[in-house]
């Protein structure tokens, strides 16, 4: 359920399942960390519910990452590997779908850009420009 705090997702799952009309369940699969050299997948039937607002929602499971089909732990591994090696090598090493890896990276980069703050940088660059103008004006006046 998008828009809900992940910290309270287990409480929301309980409330929605027990106090809503359960519509049905959907079979979902997430790629997880490898078990030695074997790929590991989590399979789960995820309930869809219809709360009081009459909008059908799928329950967010706590292990799901931001991208579709990866667990949060697998995304952490991919992000750490992407920091240390080219992305092409990451999806060859993990045997993950290259498009999913790129979409995951794009999602986290967009999230990080939302939290960037350049206000101090702009103020400092403005101060530097003003100092340069003052120095050039004083140099012209002394000539």
C-alpha atoms as a PDB file:
ATOM      1  CA  UNK A   1       0.000   0.000   0.000  1.00  0.00           C
ATOM      2  CA  UNK A   2       1.801   3.030  -1.198  1.00  0.00           C
ATOM      3  CA  UNK A   3       1.839   6.078   0.999  1.00  0.00           C
ATOM      4  CA  UNK A   4       2.046   4.202   4.295  1.00  0.00           C
ATOM      5  CA  UNK A   5       5.096   4.267   6.542  1.00  0.00           C
ATOM      6  CA  UNK A   6       7.058   1.027   6.187  1.00  0.00           C
ATOM      7  CA  UNK A   7       7.754   1.088   9.932  1.00  0.00           C
ATOM      8  CA  UNK A   8       4.077   0.479  10.668  1.00  0.00           C
ATOM      9  CA  UNK A   9       3.352  -1.827   7.738  1.00  0.00           C
ATOM     10  CA  UNK A  10       2.874  -4.910   9.939  1.00  0.00           C
ATOM     11  CA  UNK A  11       0.224  -3.040  11.951  1.00  0.00           C
ATOM     12  CA  UNK A  12      -1.467  -1.855   8.761  1.00  0.00           C
ATOM     13  CA  UNK A  13      -1.446  -5.410   7.370  1.00  0.00           C
ATOM     14  CA  UNK A  14      -3.158  -6.714  10.514  1.00  0.00           C
ATOM     15  CA  UNK A  15      -5.769  -3.948  10.540  1.00  0.00           C
ATOM     16  CA  UNK A  16      -6.545  -4.223   6.834  1.00  0.00           C
ATOM     17  CA  UNK A  17      -6.795  -8.006   6.791  1.00  0.00           C
ATOM     18  CA  UNK A  18      -8.943  -8.271   9.919  1.00  0.00           C
ATOM     19  CA  UNK A  19     -11.085  -5.150   9.493  1.00  0.00           C
ATOM     20  CA  UNK A  20     -11.552  -5.056   5.727  1.00  0.00           C
ATOM     21  CA  UNK A  21     -13.194  -7.153   3.096  1.00  0.00           C
ATOM     22  CA  UNK A  22     -10.512  -9.471   1.755  1.00  0.00           C
ATOM     23  CA  UNK A  23     -10.991  -9.599  -2.010  1.00  0.00           C
ATOM     24  CA  UNK A  24      -8.464 -12.241  -3.086  1.00  0.00           C
ATOM     25  CA  UNK A  25      -4.771 -13.052  -3.076  1.00  0.00           C
ATOM     26  CA  UNK A  26      -2.137 -12.719  -5.777  1.00  0.00           C
ATOM     27  CA  UNK A  27       0.919 -14.943  -6.162  1.00  0.00           C
ATOM     28  CA  UNK A  28       4.054 -12.754  -6.069  1.00  0.00           C
ATOM     29  CA  UNK A  29       7.740 -13.672  -6.407  1.00  0.00           C
ATOM     30  CA  UNK A  30      10.802 -11.751  -5.195  1.00  0.00           C
ATOM     31  CA  UNK A  31      14.452 -12.464  -5.924  1.00  0.00           C
ATOM     32  CA  UNK A  32      16.388 -12.789  -2.658  1.00  0.00           C
ATOM     33  CA  UNK A  33      20.032 -13.249  -1.695  1.00  0.00           C
ATOM     34  CA  UNK A  34      21.654 -16.372  -3.115  1.00  0.00           C
ATOM     35  CA  UNK A  35      21.920 -19.494  -0.984  1.00  0.00           C
ATOM     36  CA  UNK A  36      25.544 -20.358  -1.694  1.00  0.00           C
ATOM     37  CA  UNK A  37      25.628 -20.618  -5.510  1.00  0.00           C
ATOM     38  CA  UNK A  38      21.854 -21.171  -5.869  1.00  0.00           C
ATOM     39  CA  UNK A  39      19.419 -18.384  -6.679  1.00  0.00           C
ATOM     40  CA  UNK A  40      16.770 -17.960  -4.009  1.00  0.00           C
ATOM     41  CA  UNK A  41      13.235 -16.718  -4.636  1.00  0.00           C
ATOM     42  CA  UNK A  42      10.483 -15.862  -2.148  1.00  0.00           C
ATOM     43  CA  UNK A  43       6.996 -16.874  -3.262  1.00  0.00           C
ATOM     44  CA  UNK A  44       4.002 -15.560  -1.389  1.00  0.00           C
ATOM     45  CA  UNK A  45       0.278 -15.079  -1.841  1.00  0.00           C
ATOM     46  CA  UNK A  46      -0.319 -11.399  -1.091  1.00  0.00           C
ATOM     47  CA  UNK A  47      -3.844 -10.375  -0.066  1.00  0.00           C
ATOM     48  CA  UNK A  48      -5.803  -7.636  -1.753  1.00  0.00           C
ATOM     49  CA  UNK A  49      -8.260  -5.849   0.502  1.00  0.00           C
ATOM     50  CA  UNK A  50     -11.062  -3.334   0.212  1.00  0.00           C
ATOM     51  CA  UNK A  51     -10.995  -0.947   3.209  1.00  0.00           C
ATOM     52  CA  UNK A  52     -13.716   1.550   4.105  1.00  0.00           C
ATOM     53  CA  UNK A  53     -12.718   3.916   1.273  1.00  0.00           C
ATOM     54  CA  UNK A  54     -13.769   1.178  -1.224  1.00  0.00           C
ATOM     55  CA  UNK A  55     -10.464   1.237  -3.106  1.00  0.00           C
ATOM     56  CA  UNK A  56      -8.946  -2.176  -3.721  1.00  0.00           C
ATOM     57  CA  UNK A  57      -5.380  -2.258  -2.410  1.00  0.00           C
ATOM     58  CA  UNK A  58      -2.649  -4.823  -2.352  1.00  0.00           C
ATOM     59  CA  UNK A  59      -0.900  -5.225   1.001  1.00  0.00           C
ATOM     60  CA  UNK A  60       2.771  -4.139   1.047  1.00  0.00           C
ATOM     61  CA  UNK A  61       4.934  -6.946   2.357  1.00  0.00           C
ATOM     62  CA  UNK A  62       7.812  -5.800   4.607  1.00  0.00           C
ATOM     63  CA  UNK A  63      10.540  -7.625   2.660  1.00  0.00           C
ATOM     64  CA  UNK A  64       9.727  -6.091  -0.725  1.00  0.00           C
ATOM     65  CA  UNK A  65      12.161  -3.563  -2.143  1.00  0.00           C
ATOM     66  CA  UNK A  66      11.337  -0.458  -4.151  1.00  0.00           C
ATOM     67  CA  UNK A  67      11.660  -2.236  -7.471  1.00  0.00           C
ATOM     68  CA  UNK A  68       9.295  -4.945  -8.579  1.00  0.00           C
ATOM     69  CA  UNK A  69      10.649  -8.439  -8.016  1.00  0.00           C
ATOM     70  CA  UNK A  70      13.586  -7.847  -5.612  1.00  0.00           C
ATOM     71  CA  UNK A  71      13.670  -8.145  -1.836  1.00  0.00           C
ATOM     72  CA  UNK A  72      15.040  -5.227   0.136  1.00  0.00           C
ATOM     73  CA  UNK A  73      18.153  -7.217   1.112  1.00  0.00           C
ATOM     74  CA  UNK A  74      18.859  -8.136  -2.514  1.00  0.00           C
ATOM     75  CA  UNK A  75      18.531  -4.460  -3.480  1.00  0.00           C
ATOM     76  CA  UNK A  76      21.049  -3.545  -0.774  1.00  0.00           C
ATOM     77  CA  UNK A  77      23.478  -6.094  -2.204  1.00  0.00           C
ATOM     78  CA  UNK A  78      22.959  -4.760  -5.735  1.00  0.00           C
ATOM     79  CA  UNK A  79      23.482  -1.163  -4.584  1.00  0.00           C
ATOM     80  CA  UNK A  80      26.716  -2.076  -2.775  1.00  0.00           C
ATOM     81  CA  UNK A  81      27.987  -3.941  -5.832  1.00  0.00           C
ATOM     82  CA  UNK A  82      27.031  -1.062  -8.137  1.00  0.00           C
ATOM     83  CA  UNK A  83      29.147   1.277  -5.983  1.00  0.00           C
ATOM     84  CA  UNK A  84      32.198  -0.923  -6.475  1.00  0.00           C
ATOM     85  CA  UNK A  85      31.937  -2.181 -10.068  1.00  0.00           C
ATOM     86  CA  UNK A  86      30.260  -1.437 -13.404  1.00  0.00           C
ATOM     87  CA  UNK A  87      26.557  -2.233 -13.557  1.00  0.00           C
ATOM     88  CA  UNK A  88      27.145  -4.647 -16.429  1.00  0.00           C
ATOM     89  CA  UNK A  89      29.391  -6.732 -14.156  1.00  0.00           C
ATOM     90  CA  UNK A  90      26.781  -6.613 -11.372  1.00  0.00           C
ATOM     91  CA  UNK A  91      24.011  -8.207 -13.359  1.00  0.00           C
ATOM     92  CA  UNK A  92      26.408 -10.760 -14.860  1.00  0.00           C
ATOM     93  CA  UNK A  93      27.590 -11.677 -11.348  1.00  0.00           C
ATOM     94  CA  UNK A  94      24.120 -11.852  -9.779  1.00  0.00           C
ATOM     95  CA  UNK A  95      22.293 -13.121 -12.875  1.00  0.00           C
ATOM     96  CA  UNK A  96      19.676 -10.417 -12.304  1.00  0.00           C
ATOM     97  CA  UNK A  97      17.759  -8.870 -15.177  1.00  0.00           C
ATOM     98  CA  UNK A  98      19.702  -5.834 -16.404  1.00  0.00           C
ATOM     99  CA  UNK A  99      16.559  -3.755 -16.988  1.00  0.00           C
ATOM    100  CA  UNK A 100      15.370  -4.404 -13.424  1.00  0.00           C
ATOM    101  CA  UNK A 101      18.781  -3.385 -12.040  1.00  0.00           C
ATOM    102  CA  UNK A 102      18.764  -0.136 -14.028  1.00  0.00           C
ATOM    103  CA  UNK A 103      15.160   0.634 -12.961  1.00  0.00           C
ATOM    104  CA  UNK A 104      16.080  -0.019  -9.329  1.00  0.00           C
ATOM    105  CA  UNK A 105      19.086   2.304  -9.593  1.00  0.00           C
ATOM    106  CA  UNK A 106      16.959   4.993 -11.234  1.00  0.00           C
ATOM    107  CA  UNK A 107      14.376   4.721  -8.445  1.00  0.00           C
ATOM    108  CA  UNK A 108      16.988   5.173  -5.693  1.00  0.00           C
ATOM    109  CA  UNK A 109      18.762   7.996  -7.543  1.00  0.00           C
ATOM    110  CA  UNK A 110      15.472   9.872  -7.955  1.00  0.00           C
ATOM    111  CA  UNK A 111      14.754   9.350  -4.248  1.00  0.00           C
ATOM    112  CA  UNK A 112      18.211  10.693  -3.329  1.00  0.00           C
ATOM    113  CA  UNK A 113      17.760  13.733  -5.591  1.00  0.00           C
ATOM    114  CA  UNK A 114      14.565  14.646  -3.752  1.00  0.00           C
ATOM    115  CA  UNK A 115      16.641  15.104  -0.594  1.00  0.00           C
ATOM    116  CA  UNK A 116      19.437  17.188  -2.147  1.00  0.00           C
ATOM    117  CA  UNK A 117      19.870  20.676  -0.759  1.00  0.00           C
ATOM    118  CA  UNK A 118      21.856  23.174  -2.822  1.00  0.00           C
ATOM    119  CA  UNK A 119      20.730  26.260  -0.938  1.00  0.00           C
ATOM    120  CA  UNK A 120      24.107  26.676   0.818  1.00  0.00           C
ATOM    121  CA  UNK A 121      25.950  26.109  -2.438  1.00  0.00           C
ATOM    122  CA  UNK A 122      23.952  28.819  -4.174  1.00  0.00           C
ATOM    123  CA  UNK A 123      24.501  31.259  -1.295  1.00  0.00           C
ATOM    124  CA  UNK A 124      28.256  30.585  -1.264  1.00  0.00           C
ATOM    125  CA  UNK A 125      28.573  30.927  -5.035  1.00  0.00           C
ATOM    126  CA  UNK A 126      26.634  34.222  -4.871  1.00  0.00           C
ATOM    127  CA  UNK A 127      29.009  35.505  -2.168  1.00  0.00           C
ATOM    128  CA  UNK A 128      32.041  34.514  -4.262  1.00  0.00           C
ATOM    129  CA  UNK A 129      30.599  36.315  -7.292  1.00  0.00           C
ATOM    130  CA  UNK A 130      29.962  39.444  -5.205  1.00  0.00           C
ATOM    131  CA  UNK A 131      33.531  39.387  -3.873  1.00  0.00           C
ATOM    132  CA  UNK A 132      34.885  39.053  -7.404  1.00  0.00           C
ATOM    133  CA  UNK A 133      32.773  42.029  -8.509  1.00  0.00           C
ATOM    134  CA  UNK A 134      33.974  44.115  -5.552  1.00  0.00           C
ATOM    135  CA  UNK A 135      37.608  43.229  -6.269  1.00  0.00           C
ATOM    136  CA  UNK A 136      37.255  44.035  -9.976  1.00  0.00           C
ATOM    137  CA  UNK A 137      35.464  47.348  -9.183  1.00  0.00           C
ATOM    138  CA  UNK A 138      38.119  48.355  -6.686  1.00  0.00           C
ATOM    139  CA  UNK A 139      40.848  47.417  -9.177  1.00  0.00           C
ATOM    140  CA  UNK A 140      39.212  49.602 -11.858  1.00  0.00           C
ATOM    141  CA  UNK A 141      38.909  52.555  -9.469  1.00  0.00           C
ATOM    142  CA  UNK A 142      42.558  52.345  -8.430  1.00  0.00           C
ATOM    143  CA  UNK A 143      43.703  52.591 -12.055  1.00  0.00           C
END
